Amino acid sequence: MTIATGPPLPTHHTPVVLARRFLTGGVVGTSLAACVVGGIVENVPLFVTGLVLPAVYGLLFFLAGTPRRAREAAVVPRTALATIESLEAVRGEPSDIPVRFELTVAPDDGPAYRVEITQDINLVDLSDYRPRGVVVVQYPPDRPWRVRIVKRPTPQWEGRVASARLDSAPGTVRVAAPPEDRDFGFVALLGLLLGAVVVVLLFRADLFDRDDTTKSLSAAPPPVSSPSSTTVVSSVSATVELGPGQSFLDKGELDRTVGSLTRGGGARQALTVVVRERLLSVVFSPTDTQTPGFDLRALPYDRFPALVEEATNTLGVHSPRAWQITADRLTGSLTIRVVVTGAEGTASLEAEGQGKVVRRVPAR
């Protein structure tokens, strides 16, 4: 049984402790989810928040506990004699070693009780502790299980140790720290899960609104009956973004879009063309420089769907998340590159100006 000496033992099962455990679990879950989601969607502020949040919470937790620690430090510990029932070195260390003691503590103003503690003892002083030996101990009045052996007691207590003869307390009279309730673990787990769910729900659009690249290319949905797109053209670049449900891999879509960009524009040269599921970007070659460009209308757009399909089906990316086609002639000849990313890694293939594949790089 557990006995009490002095004031009643503090209860650990309070709403404040439950709330603190829930908040701690929530911070851990939020931090982990923020780091993972921030890394996936490439959201730097979210990723940094996941790293900083635990440090800020830890600092606030430390500051909030300062008054409690000050109160505990102000409590005058009780001093008593104790008999060593048994001792055992837990593990070997170069100098101080942890030693597990079983003690019978005999307070002057209360009944004796047994307690088990672990305390570091220097190898040189280890021989001073032996079974049935008497030592001086101290403990907080409200936490009698937090017993510490006084290594250098006052002369008065040394005199009492020399003349003391203590009886062993029965094993049934044992004091221990109150066991943690299983509800605390459940509350912390609940907070962790809720924190992670909140982050995922807040950024679900970034996580799950992919450009439908995981769908089979052969089963791509037909264009919507009233297609819409947004076109922005300047002197140095052009950008076309399709509406929902459309794709530049739909039959004739690229030809129509390029035709609208080159209509009435003469033979303007392009420096780079980048095609994604619903986004076409063109960088035009400056007119006053000799940079290598190419006719935007000269690309084999009818070959692009087949190139993307080959890259997604034959290079080891079984669950493609995104693809991109880049066309340029920075190396002297017109080159078309298709890059596919997925859970298995990144794969790519390279084709010449007519769309014939000349190089393949499997996923890695």
Protein backbone atom coordinates (compact mmCIF):
# COMPACT_ATOMS: atom_id res chain seq x y z
CA MET A 1 0.00 0.00 0.00
CA THR A 2 1.01 3.64 -0.32
CA ILE A 3 1.33 5.73 2.81
CA ALA A 4 1.36 9.51 3.11
CA THR A 5 3.67 11.52 5.31
CA GLY A 6 2.82 15.17 5.74
CA PRO A 7 0.47 17.01 3.33
CA PRO A 8 -1.73 15.04 0.92
CA LEU A 9 -0.05 13.89 -2.26
CA PRO A 10 -0.80 16.08 -5.30
CA THR A 11 -3.11 14.54 -7.85
CA HIS A 12 -1.86 14.13 -11.40
CA HIS A 13 -5.31 13.58 -12.89
CA THR A 14 -6.43 17.16 -13.43
CA PRO A 15 -8.03 18.93 -16.40
CA VAL A 16 -4.97 21.18 -16.62
CA VAL A 17 -2.65 18.20 -17.08
CA LEU A 18 -5.01 16.65 -19.63
CA ALA A 19 -5.14 19.93 -21.55
CA ARG A 20 -1.34 20.20 -21.48
CA ARG A 21 -0.95 16.66 -22.81
CA PHE A 22 -3.51 17.34 -25.55
CA LEU A 23 -1.74 20.58 -26.52
CA THR A 24 1.65 18.86 -26.59
CA GLY A 25 0.31 16.11 -28.84
CA GLY A 26 -1.30 18.74 -31.08
CA VAL A 27 1.96 20.66 -31.42
CA VAL A 28 3.87 17.48 -32.30
CA GLY A 29 1.29 16.40 -34.87
CA THR A 30 1.05 19.88 -36.39
CA SER A 31 4.82 20.21 -36.60
CA LEU A 32 5.35 16.83 -38.26
CA ALA A 33 2.49 17.35 -40.71
CA ALA A 34 3.70 20.88 -41.55
CA CYS A 35 7.19 19.60 -42.36
CA VAL A 36 5.87 16.75 -44.51
CA VAL A 37 3.17 18.74 -46.31
CA GLY A 38 5.45 21.76 -46.72
CA GLY A 39 8.09 19.57 -48.34
CA ILE A 40 5.60 17.92 -50.69
CA VAL A 41 3.89 21.09 -51.89
CA GLU A 42 7.15 23.10 -51.73
CA ASN A 43 5.68 25.63 -49.30
CA VAL A 44 8.72 27.09 -47.55
CA PRO A 45 6.81 29.10 -44.87
CA LEU A 46 4.83 25.99 -43.90
CA PHE A 47 7.99 23.88 -43.73
CA VAL A 48 9.78 26.48 -41.58
CA THR A 49 6.72 26.70 -39.31
CA GLY A 50 6.95 22.96 -38.73
CA LEU A 51 10.56 23.36 -37.62
CA VAL A 52 10.05 26.46 -35.46
CA LEU A 53 6.78 25.51 -33.75
CA PRO A 54 8.27 22.87 -31.37
CA ALA A 55 11.03 25.25 -30.30
CA VAL A 56 8.56 28.05 -29.56
CA TYR A 57 6.24 25.69 -27.70
CA GLY A 58 9.13 24.27 -25.70
CA LEU A 59 10.22 27.77 -24.68
CA LEU A 60 6.68 28.73 -23.63
CA PHE A 61 6.30 25.44 -21.76
CA PHE A 62 9.56 26.11 -19.91
CA LEU A 63 8.54 29.67 -19.01
CA ALA A 64 5.08 28.55 -17.87
CA GLY A 65 6.66 25.98 -15.54
CA THR A 66 9.01 28.47 -13.92
CA PRO A 67 6.62 29.43 -11.07
CA ARG A 68 5.95 25.78 -10.26
CA ARG A 69 9.66 24.97 -10.19
CA ALA A 70 10.25 27.99 -7.98
CA ARG A 71 7.60 26.79 -5.54
CA GLU A 72 9.08 23.31 -5.47
CA ALA A 73 12.57 24.71 -4.91
CA ALA A 74 11.27 26.81 -2.00
CA VAL A 75 9.93 23.75 -0.17
CA VAL A 76 12.29 22.73 2.64
CA PRO A 77 13.08 19.01 2.21
CA ARG A 78 12.70 16.64 5.10
CA THR A 79 15.73 14.77 6.39
CA ALA A 80 15.54 11.24 7.74
CA LEU A 81 17.54 8.10 8.29
CA ALA A 82 17.22 5.16 5.93
CA THR A 83 18.44 1.59 5.79
CA ILE A 84 19.83 0.13 2.56
CA GLU A 85 17.89 -3.06 1.91
CA SER A 86 19.68 -3.78 -1.37
CA LEU A 87 21.67 -2.03 -4.07
CA GLU A 88 22.60 -2.86 -7.64
CA ALA A 89 24.71 -1.04 -10.22
CA VAL A 90 22.55 -0.41 -13.29
CA ARG A 91 25.42 -0.01 -15.77
CA GLY A 92 29.10 0.74 -15.79
CA GLU A 93 30.40 4.28 -16.35
CA PRO A 94 33.92 5.77 -16.24
CA SER A 95 33.37 7.62 -12.93
CA ASP A 96 29.81 7.97 -11.60
CA ILE A 97 27.60 4.92 -12.06
CA PRO A 98 23.81 4.71 -11.64
CA VAL A 99 22.95 2.53 -8.64
CA ARG A 100 19.47 1.23 -7.88
CA PHE A 101 18.75 1.33 -4.13
CA GLU A 102 15.90 -0.17 -2.16
CA LEU A 103 15.62 1.76 1.08
CA THR A 104 13.62 1.71 4.28
CA VAL A 105 13.06 5.36 5.16
CA ALA A 106 12.30 6.11 8.82
CA PRO A 107 10.95 9.68 9.24
CA ASP A 108 11.05 11.13 12.75
CA ASP A 109 7.37 12.12 12.59
CA GLY A 110 5.81 9.23 10.68
CA PRO A 111 5.84 5.52 9.98
CA ALA A 112 8.70 3.91 8.06
CA TYR A 113 8.18 3.00 4.42
CA ARG A 114 10.04 1.39 1.57
CA VAL A 115 11.07 3.14 -1.62
CA GLU A 116 13.16 2.31 -4.67
CA ILE A 117 15.42 4.98 -6.20
CA THR A 118 18.29 5.26 -8.68
CA GLN A 119 21.16 7.63 -7.91
CA ASP A 120 24.63 8.22 -9.39
CA ILE A 121 27.43 7.17 -7.07
CA ASN A 122 31.13 7.73 -7.66
CA LEU A 123 33.16 4.55 -7.99
CA VAL A 124 35.46 5.71 -5.18
CA ASP A 125 32.51 6.08 -2.78
CA LEU A 126 30.66 2.92 -3.82
CA SER A 127 32.24 0.87 -1.03
CA ASP A 128 30.61 3.18 1.57
CA TYR A 129 27.18 1.81 0.64
CA ARG A 130 26.34 -1.74 1.62
CA PRO A 131 23.22 -3.72 2.55
CA ARG A 132 21.86 -2.95 6.02
CA GLY A 133 23.95 0.18 6.13
CA VAL A 134 22.32 3.38 7.43
CA VAL A 135 22.38 6.58 5.36
CA VAL A 136 20.90 10.07 5.58
CA VAL A 137 18.23 10.91 2.99
CA GLN A 138 16.15 13.92 2.03
CA TYR A 139 12.81 14.16 0.22
CA PRO A 140 10.08 16.75 -0.43
CA PRO A 141 7.27 16.52 2.15
CA ASP A 142 4.61 16.17 -0.56
CA ARG A 143 6.57 13.67 -2.68
CA PRO A 144 8.07 11.07 -0.35
CA TRP A 145 9.08 8.86 -3.28
CA ARG A 146 11.65 11.43 -4.47
CA VAL A 147 14.28 10.33 -1.98
CA ARG A 148 17.92 11.34 -2.46
CA ILE A 149 20.84 10.03 -0.42
CA VAL A 150 22.81 12.84 1.27
CA LYS A 151 26.43 12.06 0.45
CA ARG A 152 27.91 14.47 3.00
CA PRO A 153 25.51 14.87 5.95
CA THR A 154 26.02 17.35 8.77
CA PRO A 155 27.96 16.24 11.88
CA GLN A 156 24.69 15.96 13.80
CA TRP A 157 23.25 13.50 11.32
CA GLU A 158 26.55 11.64 11.05
CA GLY A 159 26.31 11.05 14.79
CA ARG A 160 22.79 9.70 14.44
CA VAL A 161 23.93 7.39 11.63
CA ALA A 162 26.69 5.95 13.81
CA SER A 163 24.29 5.00 16.60
CA ALA A 164 21.18 4.16 14.58
CA ARG A 165 19.66 0.70 14.40
CA LEU A 166 16.68 0.63 12.04
CA ASP A 167 14.23 -2.19 11.42
CA SER A 168 13.24 -3.01 7.85
CA ALA A 169 9.79 -1.90 6.76
CA PRO A 170 7.66 -4.67 5.25
CA GLY A 171 7.53 -4.82 1.48
CA THR A 172 3.82 -4.00 1.52
CA VAL A 173 4.54 -0.52 2.89
CA ARG A 174 5.98 0.94 -0.28
CA VAL A 175 5.83 4.46 -1.66
CA ALA A 176 6.05 5.14 -5.39
CA ALA A 177 5.18 7.92 -7.79
CA PRO A 178 1.53 7.83 -8.86
CA PRO A 179 1.24 5.78 -12.07
CA GLU A 180 0.38 7.61 -15.24
CA ASP A 181 -3.19 6.98 -16.30
CA ARG A 182 -3.72 5.45 -19.73
CA ASP A 183 -6.09 8.34 -20.52
CA PHE A 184 -3.11 10.69 -20.71
CA GLY A 185 -1.57 8.69 -23.55
CA PHE A 186 -4.88 8.61 -25.37
CA VAL A 187 -5.34 12.38 -25.00
CA ALA A 188 -1.81 13.06 -26.32
CA LEU A 189 -2.42 10.73 -29.29
CA LEU A 190 -5.74 12.44 -30.00
CA GLY A 191 -4.02 15.84 -30.03
CA LEU A 192 -1.30 14.55 -32.36
CA LEU A 193 -3.84 13.16 -34.84
CA LEU A 194 -6.01 16.29 -34.77
CA GLY A 195 -2.98 18.55 -35.31
CA ALA A 196 -1.92 16.52 -38.34
CA VAL A 197 -5.47 16.42 -39.75
CA VAL A 198 -5.86 20.20 -39.45
CA VAL A 199 -2.70 20.81 -41.50
CA VAL A 200 -3.70 18.29 -44.17
CA LEU A 201 -7.20 19.78 -44.46
CA LEU A 202 -5.90 23.33 -44.70
CA PHE A 203 -3.57 22.39 -47.56
CA ARG A 204 -5.64 19.64 -49.18
CA ALA A 205 -5.99 21.65 -52.37
CA ASP A 206 -2.22 21.85 -52.82
CA LEU A 207 -1.82 18.18 -51.95
CA PHE A 208 -4.58 16.64 -54.04
CA ASP A 209 -5.26 19.15 -56.82
CA ARG A 210 -2.65 17.73 -59.14
CA ASP A 211 -2.92 18.19 -62.86
CA ASP A 212 -4.60 14.81 -63.21
CA THR A 213 -1.25 13.33 -64.21
CA THR A 214 -1.95 10.07 -62.42
CA LYS A 215 -4.74 9.31 -64.86
CA SER A 216 -4.07 7.10 -67.84
CA LEU A 217 -3.22 9.14 -70.89
CA SER A 218 -5.24 6.84 -73.12
CA ALA A 219 -8.32 7.49 -70.97
CA ALA A 220 -7.96 11.26 -70.86
CA PRO A 221 -11.35 12.98 -70.66
CA PRO A 222 -12.57 14.82 -73.78
CA PRO A 223 -12.41 18.59 -73.86
CA VAL A 224 -15.27 20.40 -72.16
CA SER A 225 -18.04 21.66 -74.40
CA SER A 226 -17.22 25.29 -73.63
CA PRO A 227 -13.42 25.41 -73.28
CA SER A 228 -11.85 28.41 -71.60
CA SER A 229 -8.26 29.59 -71.33
CA THR A 230 -6.25 32.55 -70.12
CA THR A 231 -3.61 34.05 -72.39
CA VAL A 232 -0.98 36.60 -71.41
CA VAL A 233 1.37 37.85 -74.13
CA SER A 234 4.21 40.35 -73.79
CA SER A 235 7.18 41.35 -75.91
CA VAL A 236 9.40 38.67 -74.35
CA SER A 237 7.06 35.83 -73.39
CA ALA A 238 3.62 34.28 -73.71
CA THR A 239 1.63 32.14 -71.27
CA VAL A 240 -1.55 30.19 -71.92
CA GLU A 241 -3.43 28.44 -69.11
CA LEU A 242 -6.31 26.10 -69.90
CA GLY A 243 -9.43 25.81 -67.82
CA PRO A 244 -10.39 22.81 -65.63
CA GLY A 245 -10.97 19.55 -67.49
CA GLN A 246 -8.70 20.49 -70.38
CA SER A 247 -5.21 19.31 -71.28
CA PHE A 248 -2.62 20.27 -73.84
CA LEU A 249 -2.43 16.58 -74.70
CA ASP A 250 -5.98 16.69 -76.06
CA LYS A 251 -5.99 16.23 -79.81
CA GLY A 252 -5.34 19.49 -81.66
CA GLU A 253 -5.16 21.63 -78.51
CA LEU A 254 -1.49 22.60 -78.88
CA ASP A 255 -1.89 23.36 -82.60
CA ARG A 256 -4.86 25.64 -81.90
CA THR A 257 -3.07 27.43 -79.07
CA VAL A 258 0.18 27.96 -80.99
CA GLY A 259 -1.86 29.16 -83.97
CA SER A 260 -3.50 31.82 -81.81
CA LEU A 261 -0.08 32.99 -80.54
CA THR A 262 1.49 33.21 -84.00
CA ARG A 263 -1.51 34.64 -85.82
CA GLY A 264 -0.42 37.93 -87.39
CA GLY A 265 2.96 37.76 -85.65
CA GLY A 266 5.11 36.80 -88.61
CA ALA A 267 7.96 34.34 -88.14
CA ARG A 268 8.86 35.35 -84.59
CA GLN A 269 11.52 33.05 -83.10
CA ALA A 270 11.08 31.21 -79.80
CA LEU A 271 13.92 30.64 -77.37
CA THR A 272 12.22 28.07 -75.10
CA VAL A 273 8.85 26.33 -75.04
CA VAL A 274 7.59 24.57 -71.89
CA VAL A 275 4.39 22.50 -71.90
CA ARG A 276 2.63 21.11 -68.81
CA GLU A 277 -0.82 19.58 -68.38
CA ARG A 278 -2.71 22.88 -68.54
CA LEU A 279 0.07 25.46 -68.92
CA LEU A 280 2.05 26.54 -72.00
CA SER A 281 4.96 28.96 -71.57
CA VAL A 282 6.98 30.50 -74.41
CA VAL A 283 10.06 32.68 -74.10
CA PHE A 284 10.69 34.60 -77.32
CA SER A 285 14.16 35.21 -78.67
CA PRO A 286 15.18 38.90 -78.39
CA THR A 287 15.08 40.59 -81.76
CA ASP A 288 18.31 42.57 -81.24
CA THR A 289 20.54 39.61 -80.33
CA GLN A 290 21.88 36.52 -82.11
CA THR A 291 20.54 33.98 -79.59
CA PRO A 292 19.62 30.62 -81.16
CA GLY A 293 15.87 30.48 -81.69
CA PHE A 294 13.39 28.38 -83.67
CA ASP A 295 10.04 28.80 -85.34
CA LEU A 296 7.31 28.17 -82.77
CA ARG A 297 5.21 26.52 -85.48
CA ALA A 298 7.96 24.02 -86.38
CA LEU A 299 7.58 21.77 -83.32
CA PRO A 300 5.99 18.33 -83.89
CA TYR A 301 3.05 18.94 -81.55
CA ASP A 302 1.24 15.86 -82.81
CA ARG A 303 4.08 13.75 -81.34
CA PHE A 304 3.90 15.26 -77.84
CA PRO A 305 1.15 12.97 -76.44
CA ALA A 306 3.03 9.87 -77.62
CA LEU A 307 6.29 11.14 -76.08
CA VAL A 308 4.61 11.78 -72.73
CA GLU A 309 2.91 8.39 -72.83
CA GLU A 310 6.20 6.64 -73.55
CA ALA A 311 7.94 8.52 -70.72
CA THR A 312 5.22 7.66 -68.19
CA ASN A 313 4.79 4.01 -69.20
CA THR A 314 8.25 2.70 -70.10
CA LEU A 315 10.80 4.41 -67.86
CA GLY A 316 9.87 3.00 -64.45
CA VAL A 317 7.53 5.72 -63.15
CA HIS A 318 4.43 3.72 -62.33
CA SER A 319 2.61 6.49 -60.45
CA PRO A 320 3.39 9.72 -62.33
CA ARG A 321 2.65 12.94 -60.46
CA ALA A 322 3.73 15.52 -63.02
CA TRP A 323 5.24 15.77 -66.49
CA GLN A 324 6.87 18.55 -68.45
CA ILE A 325 7.98 19.01 -72.06
CA THR A 326 10.78 21.47 -72.82
CA ALA A 327 11.87 22.43 -76.33
CA ASP A 328 14.93 24.58 -77.11
CA ARG A 329 17.99 24.72 -79.32
CA LEU A 330 20.52 26.07 -76.86
CA THR A 331 22.96 23.32 -77.84
CA GLY A 332 22.76 24.14 -81.54
CA SER A 333 20.07 21.69 -82.66
CA LEU A 334 16.40 21.63 -81.69
CA THR A 335 15.91 19.32 -78.71
CA ILE A 336 12.71 18.12 -77.06
CA ARG A 337 12.93 16.79 -73.48
CA VAL A 338 10.15 15.06 -71.54
CA VAL A 339 10.58 14.80 -67.75
CA VAL A 340 8.21 12.72 -65.59
CA THR A 341 8.27 12.65 -61.75
CA GLY A 342 6.57 10.23 -59.42
CA ALA A 343 7.00 8.18 -56.27
CA GLU A 344 9.68 6.10 -57.98
CA GLY A 345 11.80 9.16 -58.85
CA THR A 346 12.39 11.17 -62.03
CA ALA A 347 12.63 9.78 -65.57
CA SER A 348 13.26 11.57 -68.85
CA LEU A 349 13.63 11.07 -72.55
CA GLU A 350 15.09 13.27 -75.27
CA ALA A 351 13.93 13.61 -78.86
CA GLU A 352 15.18 15.47 -81.93
CA GLY A 353 13.29 18.16 -83.80
CA GLN A 354 10.95 15.71 -85.61
CA GLY A 355 9.95 13.93 -82.38
CA LYS A 356 12.16 10.84 -82.77
CA VAL A 357 13.49 9.61 -79.41
CA VAL A 358 17.26 9.58 -79.22
CA ARG A 359 17.91 9.11 -75.48
CA ARG A 360 16.10 7.61 -72.48
CA VAL A 361 16.91 7.94 -68.75
CA PRO A 362 14.92 5.55 -66.50
CA ALA A 363 13.59 6.56 -63.08
CA ARG A 364 16.14 6.85 -60.28
